[in-house]
């Protein structure tokens, strides 16, 4: 079977996932952090909605005559944040005002308290300058009525949550998150915390995928480790597909004697591709299983990471109609070579130096079974299929483990 080019595989994943639109749901704003907006949000009113003081001080009407270095004003009263608008003030009057308080009618400047001094009963001496800032914030400084504030498909971070709250919204329409089930397979695996007989290893893939999915805001159901038994795996796949939008399996994805997953996915659904011209992770499989999408990833932990970042993560975002992140690039710290015509992912430490130049320092370990190499790095370098050599300083694309 010919290998599918990586670019073709990714395009098919994105297009297929987009057709599996999951719909929208309205949730409380308190639960909306990291969710994906389902509709544009426009300002329902001007924000903050009134002209107010930007500093503690005195609100005045700027004199029409040439401004003196110091002038004495009659103190007409005081207004605090939250008070109703103070009455109209006259020329020569000053109102003591707190930051955030509504500007008195007619006032056009706030003189900071640091530029004031008492001057007899109910008077204040203010230092004035024709070029001084007014220290006033307008009624539409944040948003105009109807101004587009947040766009559909964007992720709700802390600032967006604050904007929604400033609009007085207690709930928000978001894209439904995919329900994800992870099936960890392999007769050699035992759960973390269990005794490990000689010849067996503790499962790490479940923990890796739980963390990668949680970085996307998804709490997945992790099942396994499951033994390499065809009937057991058939039932597990069927059950997962019936209760999930996305099924991810690890292990048993190649063509060995105990690799049942490709045959079972063909039996239970429609395989869209199997085996991609990439390294690590070549045996990756992508399928439809009834109303769910499914990925079969190899069992080696580095292949799991590469397959998830390169193909599964884009699918998770496409399922929510969320825009894919812009590519990230960095300069290679050292020269690199490869001896095959597949796209290759190399583990690397991604940093930004003091001059703002992004750099990628490749990890020396190439084995897809060494999870330590992932723990000691934070990104994958993307080495294009068409090239075989790169020099130090060459610019390459990188896939960051988190933060995109």
Protein backbone atom coordinates (compact mmCIF):
# COMPACT_ATOMS: atom_id res chain seq x y z
CA UNK A 1 0.00 0.00 0.00
CA UNK A 2 1.40 3.40 -1.01
CA UNK A 3 1.93 5.88 1.79
CA UNK A 4 -0.33 8.92 1.88
CA UNK A 5 1.57 12.20 1.66
CA UNK A 6 1.39 14.06 4.96
CA UNK A 7 -0.09 17.21 3.41
CA UNK A 8 -2.86 15.16 1.77
CA UNK A 9 -3.58 13.36 5.04
CA UNK A 10 -3.85 16.60 7.01
CA UNK A 11 -6.12 18.19 4.41
CA UNK A 12 -8.42 15.16 4.49
CA UNK A 13 -8.50 15.28 8.30
CA UNK A 14 -9.45 18.96 8.35
CA UNK A 15 -12.09 18.66 5.63
CA UNK A 16 -13.67 15.56 7.17
CA UNK A 17 -13.67 16.95 10.69
CA UNK A 18 -15.29 20.16 9.47
CA UNK A 19 -18.24 18.17 8.09
CA UNK A 20 -18.71 16.56 11.55
CA UNK A 21 -19.91 19.86 13.02
CA UNK A 22 -20.93 19.28 16.63
CA UNK A 23 -23.38 22.14 17.07
CA UNK A 24 -23.57 24.87 19.67
CA UNK A 25 -24.60 25.16 23.29
CA UNK A 26 -25.21 28.02 25.69
CA UNK A 27 -23.24 27.87 28.92
CA UNK A 28 -22.61 30.07 31.94
CA UNK A 29 -19.85 32.63 31.49
CA UNK A 30 -18.18 31.21 34.60
CA UNK A 31 -17.67 27.95 32.67
CA UNK A 32 -16.62 29.51 29.36
CA UNK A 33 -12.85 29.86 29.77
CA UNK A 34 -11.03 28.18 26.86
CA UNK A 35 -14.26 27.43 25.02
CA UNK A 36 -14.77 28.41 21.36
CA UNK A 37 -17.26 31.17 20.56
CA UNK A 38 -20.12 30.09 18.30
CA UNK A 39 -21.16 33.58 17.16
CA UNK A 40 -19.73 37.07 16.83
CA UNK A 41 -20.22 39.24 19.90
CA UNK A 42 -20.90 42.96 19.44
CA UNK A 43 -21.05 45.59 22.15
CA UNK A 44 -24.69 45.89 23.30
CA UNK A 45 -24.04 49.42 24.56
CA UNK A 46 -21.15 51.87 24.73
CA UNK A 47 -18.49 50.77 27.23
CA UNK A 48 -17.92 52.22 29.76
CA UNK A 49 -21.00 54.21 28.79
CA UNK A 50 -20.16 57.53 30.41
CA UNK A 51 -17.30 60.04 30.47
CA UNK A 52 -15.33 59.67 33.66
CA UNK A 53 -12.15 60.65 35.48
CA UNK A 54 -8.98 58.75 34.74
CA UNK A 55 -7.31 59.96 37.97
CA UNK A 56 -8.14 61.23 41.42
CA UNK A 57 -8.17 65.03 41.38
CA UNK A 58 -10.39 67.98 40.58
CA UNK A 59 -12.75 68.39 37.64
CA UNK A 60 -12.88 71.86 36.17
CA UNK A 61 -13.87 73.87 33.13
CA UNK A 62 -10.66 74.99 31.46
CA UNK A 63 -10.45 78.82 31.66
CA UNK A 64 -11.02 80.63 28.36
CA UNK A 65 -8.37 83.23 29.20
CA UNK A 66 -4.70 82.31 28.93
CA UNK A 67 -3.99 79.61 31.50
CA UNK A 68 -1.90 80.71 34.46
CA UNK A 69 0.64 78.44 36.07
CA UNK A 70 -1.56 78.30 39.17
CA UNK A 71 -5.21 79.26 39.68
CA UNK A 72 -7.55 79.18 42.63
CA UNK A 73 -10.94 77.47 42.28
CA UNK A 74 -13.96 77.26 44.54
CA UNK A 75 -14.62 73.65 45.58
CA UNK A 76 -18.26 73.01 44.69
CA UNK A 77 -18.43 69.48 46.09
CA UNK A 78 -17.18 65.94 45.71
CA UNK A 79 -18.15 62.99 43.50
CA UNK A 80 -17.06 59.36 43.82
CA UNK A 81 -17.11 56.33 41.54
CA UNK A 82 -20.69 55.06 41.41
CA UNK A 83 -22.30 58.43 42.24
CA UNK A 84 -24.86 60.02 39.92
CA UNK A 85 -23.53 62.79 37.69
CA UNK A 86 -22.70 65.94 39.61
CA UNK A 87 -24.64 69.05 38.66
CA UNK A 88 -23.38 71.43 36.00
CA UNK A 89 -20.38 73.35 37.28
CA UNK A 90 -19.52 76.94 36.46
CA UNK A 91 -16.22 78.50 35.39
CA UNK A 92 -14.00 78.95 38.41
CA UNK A 93 -15.51 75.97 40.23
CA UNK A 94 -13.81 72.63 40.90
CA UNK A 95 -15.30 69.33 41.95
CA UNK A 96 -13.18 66.87 43.89
CA UNK A 97 -13.42 63.66 41.86
CA UNK A 98 -12.33 60.04 42.26
CA UNK A 99 -10.98 57.79 39.52
CA UNK A 100 -13.91 56.27 37.63
CA UNK A 101 -16.46 58.86 38.77
CA UNK A 102 -18.81 60.39 36.18
CA UNK A 103 -17.44 63.70 34.93
CA UNK A 104 -19.58 66.65 36.13
CA UNK A 105 -21.67 68.26 33.40
CA UNK A 106 -19.63 70.91 31.62
CA UNK A 107 -16.23 69.83 32.96
CA UNK A 108 -13.49 69.21 30.40
CA UNK A 109 -10.40 68.46 32.50
CA UNK A 110 -9.30 66.64 35.62
CA UNK A 111 -6.32 68.12 37.42
CA UNK A 112 -4.53 65.33 39.35
CA UNK A 113 -4.55 65.60 43.11
CA UNK A 114 -0.74 65.72 42.97
CA UNK A 115 -1.07 69.10 41.18
CA UNK A 116 -3.34 70.62 43.85
CA UNK A 117 -2.99 72.31 47.20
CA UNK A 118 -5.59 73.66 49.70
CA UNK A 119 -6.14 77.42 49.51
CA UNK A 120 -8.41 78.64 52.30
CA UNK A 121 -11.95 77.50 53.09
CA UNK A 122 -13.55 75.52 50.23
CA UNK A 123 -10.88 76.54 47.77
CA UNK A 124 -8.09 74.73 46.01
CA UNK A 125 -4.97 75.91 44.20
CA UNK A 126 -4.49 73.99 40.97
CA UNK A 127 -1.37 73.87 38.81
CA UNK A 128 -2.49 74.28 35.20
CA UNK A 129 -0.70 73.88 31.90
CA UNK A 130 -2.07 74.36 28.39
CA UNK A 131 -0.44 71.13 27.18
CA UNK A 132 -1.35 68.93 30.16
CA UNK A 133 -3.40 65.79 29.62
CA UNK A 134 -7.11 66.07 30.39
CA UNK A 135 -7.14 62.79 32.38
CA UNK A 136 -10.62 62.02 31.04
CA UNK A 137 -11.84 58.74 29.56
CA UNK A 138 -14.64 58.86 27.04
CA UNK A 139 -17.94 57.01 27.12
CA UNK A 140 -16.82 54.84 24.16
CA UNK A 141 -13.16 54.44 25.05
CA UNK A 142 -13.55 50.65 25.31
CA UNK A 143 -16.33 49.85 22.81
CA UNK A 144 -18.84 51.71 20.66
CA UNK A 145 -22.44 50.56 20.51
CA UNK A 146 -22.55 47.65 18.05
CA UNK A 147 -18.77 47.40 17.65
CA UNK A 148 -17.50 43.89 16.89
CA UNK A 149 -15.71 42.73 20.01
CA UNK A 150 -15.12 38.98 19.63
CA UNK A 151 -15.36 36.79 16.54
CA UNK A 152 -16.92 33.37 16.12
CA UNK A 153 -14.34 30.61 16.27
CA UNK A 154 -12.06 32.43 18.69
CA UNK A 155 -11.11 30.90 22.01
CA UNK A 156 -12.35 32.58 25.17
CA UNK A 157 -9.30 33.54 27.21
CA UNK A 158 -9.24 35.57 30.38
CA UNK A 159 -9.44 38.90 28.53
CA UNK A 160 -12.35 37.78 26.32
CA UNK A 161 -14.15 36.51 29.43
CA UNK A 162 -13.67 39.95 30.94
CA UNK A 163 -15.08 41.65 27.83
CA UNK A 164 -18.16 39.43 27.93
CA UNK A 165 -18.63 40.24 31.61
CA UNK A 166 -18.28 43.97 30.87
CA UNK A 167 -21.23 43.57 28.48
CA UNK A 168 -23.29 42.23 31.38
CA UNK A 169 -23.52 38.74 29.88
CA UNK A 170 -24.02 35.84 32.28
CA UNK A 171 -23.98 33.18 29.55
CA UNK A 172 -22.50 32.74 26.09
CA UNK A 173 -23.08 30.61 22.98
CA UNK A 174 -20.12 28.29 22.36
CA UNK A 175 -19.23 25.37 20.10
CA UNK A 176 -19.83 22.02 21.71
CA UNK A 177 -16.65 20.25 22.69
CA UNK A 178 -16.07 16.82 21.18
CA UNK A 179 -16.60 13.83 23.43
CA UNK A 180 -13.34 11.92 23.21
CA UNK A 181 -12.55 8.33 24.17
CA UNK A 182 -8.97 7.06 24.23
CA UNK A 183 -8.38 3.31 23.93
CA UNK A 184 -4.91 2.31 25.10
CA UNK A 185 -4.01 -1.12 23.73
CA UNK A 186 -1.13 -3.51 24.17
CA UNK A 187 -0.77 -6.79 26.06
CA UNK A 188 2.62 -5.62 27.31
CA UNK A 189 1.11 -2.69 29.23
CA UNK A 190 0.11 -2.51 32.87
CA UNK A 191 -1.53 0.52 34.54
CA UNK A 192 0.61 2.98 36.46
CA UNK A 193 0.55 2.02 40.12
CA UNK A 194 0.26 -1.71 39.40
CA UNK A 195 3.02 -4.30 39.81
CA UNK A 196 5.13 -4.66 36.69
CA UNK A 197 6.11 -8.23 35.83
CA UNK A 198 9.32 -8.72 33.93
CA UNK A 199 8.74 -8.10 30.20
CA UNK A 200 5.87 -5.66 30.82
CA UNK A 201 5.91 -1.84 30.93
CA UNK A 202 3.70 0.75 32.60
CA UNK A 203 1.33 2.57 30.27
CA UNK A 204 2.36 6.17 29.59
CA UNK A 205 0.27 6.83 26.47
CA UNK A 206 -2.92 7.31 28.45
CA UNK A 207 -1.29 10.00 30.60
CA UNK A 208 0.29 11.67 27.55
CA UNK A 209 -3.00 11.87 25.64
CA UNK A 210 -4.93 12.99 28.71
CA UNK A 211 -2.51 15.91 29.04
CA UNK A 212 -2.50 16.80 25.34
CA UNK A 213 -6.31 16.76 25.21
CA UNK A 214 -6.65 18.73 28.42
CA UNK A 215 -4.46 21.43 26.85
CA UNK A 216 -7.25 21.65 24.25
CA UNK A 217 -9.84 21.99 27.02
CA UNK A 218 -11.08 18.40 26.72
CA UNK A 219 -11.42 15.87 29.53
CA UNK A 220 -11.25 12.56 27.69
CA UNK A 221 -12.40 9.13 28.82
CA UNK A 222 -9.32 6.89 28.99
CA UNK A 223 -9.94 3.14 28.70
CA UNK A 224 -7.23 0.52 29.11
CA UNK A 225 -4.68 -0.81 28.86
CA UNK A 226 -6.54 -3.37 26.75
CA UNK A 227 -4.99 -6.69 25.74
CA UNK A 228 -4.32 -7.48 22.09
CA UNK A 229 -7.49 -9.52 21.68
CA UNK A 230 -9.59 -9.02 18.54
CA UNK A 231 -12.99 -9.57 20.15
CA UNK A 232 -12.15 -7.38 23.15
CA UNK A 233 -10.94 -4.57 20.90
CA UNK A 234 -13.92 -4.90 18.53
CA UNK A 235 -16.33 -4.40 21.41
CA UNK A 236 -14.29 -1.53 22.82
CA UNK A 237 -14.21 0.27 19.47
CA UNK A 238 -17.91 -0.26 18.88
CA UNK A 239 -18.80 1.06 22.35
CA UNK A 240 -16.45 4.04 22.08
CA UNK A 241 -17.80 5.04 18.67
CA UNK A 242 -21.39 4.90 19.96
CA UNK A 243 -20.68 7.27 22.86
CA UNK A 244 -18.05 9.62 21.40
CA UNK A 245 -17.42 12.14 18.67
CA UNK A 246 -13.75 11.23 18.45
CA UNK A 247 -12.05 7.91 19.22
CA UNK A 248 -8.26 7.68 19.59
CA UNK A 249 -6.52 4.35 19.95
CA UNK A 250 -2.85 3.73 20.65
CA UNK A 251 -1.00 0.56 19.73
CA UNK A 252 -1.84 -2.23 17.32
CA UNK A 253 -1.96 0.13 14.33
CA UNK A 254 0.60 -1.51 12.06
CA UNK A 255 0.54 -4.83 10.17
CA UNK A 256 1.95 -7.24 12.74
CA UNK A 257 0.37 -10.43 14.02
CA UNK A 258 -1.23 -8.66 16.99
CA UNK A 259 -2.12 -5.43 15.15
CA UNK A 260 -5.89 -5.84 15.00
CA UNK A 261 -6.95 -2.18 14.92
CA UNK A 262 -6.74 -1.51 11.14
CA UNK A 263 -8.79 -4.63 10.32
CA UNK A 264 -11.36 -3.83 13.00
CA UNK A 265 -11.78 -0.21 11.91
CA UNK A 266 -12.26 -1.39 8.33
CA UNK A 267 -14.89 -3.83 9.55
CA UNK A 268 -16.72 -1.31 11.76
CA UNK A 269 -16.46 1.81 9.59
CA UNK A 270 -14.67 3.46 6.68
CA UNK A 271 -10.89 3.88 6.69
CA UNK A 272 -9.95 7.17 4.99
CA UNK A 273 -6.21 6.58 5.09
CA UNK A 274 -3.75 4.19 6.69
CA UNK A 275 -0.01 4.82 6.74
CA UNK A 276 1.31 8.31 6.13
CA UNK A 277 4.70 9.34 4.80
CA UNK A 278 5.83 10.72 8.17
CA UNK A 279 8.32 9.72 10.82
CA UNK A 280 7.66 8.85 13.58
CA UNK A 281 4.05 7.69 13.35
CA UNK A 282 3.91 6.21 9.85
CA UNK A 283 1.18 3.58 10.64
CA UNK A 284 -1.35 6.25 11.71
CA UNK A 285 -4.91 5.50 10.54
CA UNK A 286 -7.89 7.82 10.13
CA UNK A 287 -11.47 6.51 9.82
CA UNK A 288 -15.16 7.14 10.22
CA UNK A 289 -16.80 4.86 12.76
CA UNK A 290 -20.52 5.48 12.48
CA UNK A 291 -21.12 8.96 13.87
CA UNK A 292 -17.58 9.31 15.19
CA UNK A 293 -14.17 10.05 13.76
CA UNK A 294 -11.31 7.79 14.75
CA UNK A 295 -7.53 7.87 14.80
CA UNK A 296 -5.36 4.81 15.35
CA UNK A 297 -1.92 5.90 16.56
CA UNK A 298 1.12 3.64 16.93
CA UNK A 299 2.09 2.54 20.41
CA UNK A 300 5.50 4.18 20.66
CA UNK A 301 5.07 7.27 22.86
CA UNK A 302 6.93 9.71 20.60
CA UNK A 303 4.80 8.54 17.66
CA UNK A 304 1.72 9.21 19.81
CA UNK A 305 2.90 12.77 20.47
CA UNK A 306 3.78 13.42 16.82
CA UNK A 307 0.54 11.93 15.53
CA UNK A 308 -1.53 13.94 17.97
CA UNK A 309 0.17 17.28 17.32
CA UNK A 310 0.30 16.84 13.55
CA UNK A 311 -3.14 15.34 12.85
CA UNK A 312 -5.37 14.85 15.91
CA UNK A 313 -5.04 18.34 17.35
CA UNK A 314 -6.01 19.98 14.03
CA UNK A 315 -9.04 17.65 13.91
CA UNK A 316 -10.10 18.60 17.45
CA UNK A 317 -10.03 22.27 16.48
CA UNK A 318 -11.77 21.68 13.16
CA UNK A 319 -14.58 19.79 14.91
CA UNK A 320 -15.28 23.04 16.77
CA UNK A 321 -14.87 25.20 13.63
CA UNK A 322 -12.00 26.94 15.36
CA UNK A 323 -9.32 28.52 13.15
CA UNK A 324 -6.05 26.64 12.96
CA UNK A 325 -3.09 28.50 14.51
CA UNK A 326 -0.61 30.32 12.32
CA UNK A 327 2.60 28.39 11.65
CA UNK A 328 5.51 28.97 14.03
CA UNK A 329 9.06 29.17 12.67
CA UNK A 330 12.51 29.06 14.22
CA UNK A 331 16.17 28.98 13.22
CA UNK A 332 18.02 25.70 13.64
CA UNK A 333 20.78 25.70 16.24
CA UNK A 334 22.63 22.88 14.47
CA UNK A 335 22.71 21.24 11.05
CA UNK A 336 20.37 18.26 10.52
CA UNK A 337 20.16 15.41 8.01
CA UNK A 338 17.70 12.67 7.16
CA UNK A 339 18.10 9.69 4.82
CA UNK A 340 14.52 9.10 3.64
CA UNK A 341 11.81 10.87 1.62
CA UNK A 342 9.20 11.16 4.38
CA UNK A 343 8.31 14.23 6.39
CA UNK A 344 10.07 13.90 9.75
CA UNK A 345 9.38 15.35 13.18
CA UNK A 346 12.42 15.95 15.40
CA UNK A 347 12.04 16.74 19.08
CA UNK A 348 13.54 20.12 19.98
CA UNK A 349 13.86 22.82 22.61
CA UNK A 350 12.14 25.93 21.24
CA UNK A 351 13.43 29.20 22.72
CA UNK A 352 13.48 32.91 21.90
CA UNK A 353 16.79 34.68 22.50
CA UNK A 354 17.38 38.18 23.84
CA UNK A 355 17.06 39.67 20.34
CA UNK A 356 13.66 38.05 19.82
CA UNK A 357 14.95 35.36 17.44
CA UNK A 358 13.20 32.00 17.78
CA UNK A 359 15.56 29.02 17.85
CA UNK A 360 15.10 25.24 17.72
CA UNK A 361 17.73 23.04 19.33
CA UNK A 362 17.22 19.43 18.20
CA UNK A 363 17.36 16.64 20.77
CA UNK A 364 20.01 14.02 19.96
CA UNK A 365 17.70 11.03 20.58
CA UNK A 366 15.83 9.82 17.49
CA UNK A 367 14.15 6.66 18.84
CA UNK A 368 10.35 6.89 18.94
CA UNK A 369 10.29 4.79 22.10
CA UNK A 370 12.21 7.20 24.33
CA UNK A 371 9.67 9.37 26.15
CA UNK A 372 12.47 11.16 28.01
CA UNK A 373 13.29 12.99 24.77
CA UNK A 374 9.79 14.51 24.81
CA UNK A 375 10.02 15.46 28.48
CA UNK A 376 13.28 17.31 27.75
CA UNK A 377 11.86 19.30 24.83
CA UNK A 378 8.83 21.48 24.05
CA UNK A 379 8.36 21.31 20.27
CA UNK A 380 8.72 19.24 17.12
CA UNK A 381 10.83 20.44 14.22
CA UNK A 382 9.12 19.77 10.87
CA UNK A 383 11.64 18.47 8.31
CA UNK A 384 10.04 18.53 4.85
CA UNK A 385 9.91 15.34 2.83
CA UNK A 386 11.67 16.85 -0.18
CA UNK A 387 14.90 17.84 1.58
CA UNK A 388 17.63 15.77 3.19
CA UNK A 389 19.96 18.40 4.70
CA UNK A 390 19.56 21.58 6.75
CA UNK A 391 22.25 23.93 7.95
CA UNK A 392 22.48 25.75 11.27
CA UNK A 393 20.52 28.98 10.91
CA UNK A 394 18.02 27.56 8.41
CA UNK A 395 14.41 28.49 9.17
CA UNK A 396 12.06 25.57 9.85
CA UNK A 397 8.48 25.17 11.01
CA UNK A 398 7.94 23.90 14.55
CA UNK A 399 4.91 22.39 16.29
CA UNK A 400 4.88 23.47 19.91
CA UNK A 401 3.59 20.98 22.46
CA UNK A 402 1.42 23.66 24.07
CA UNK A 403 0.74 27.38 23.77
CA UNK A 404 -0.29 27.62 20.11
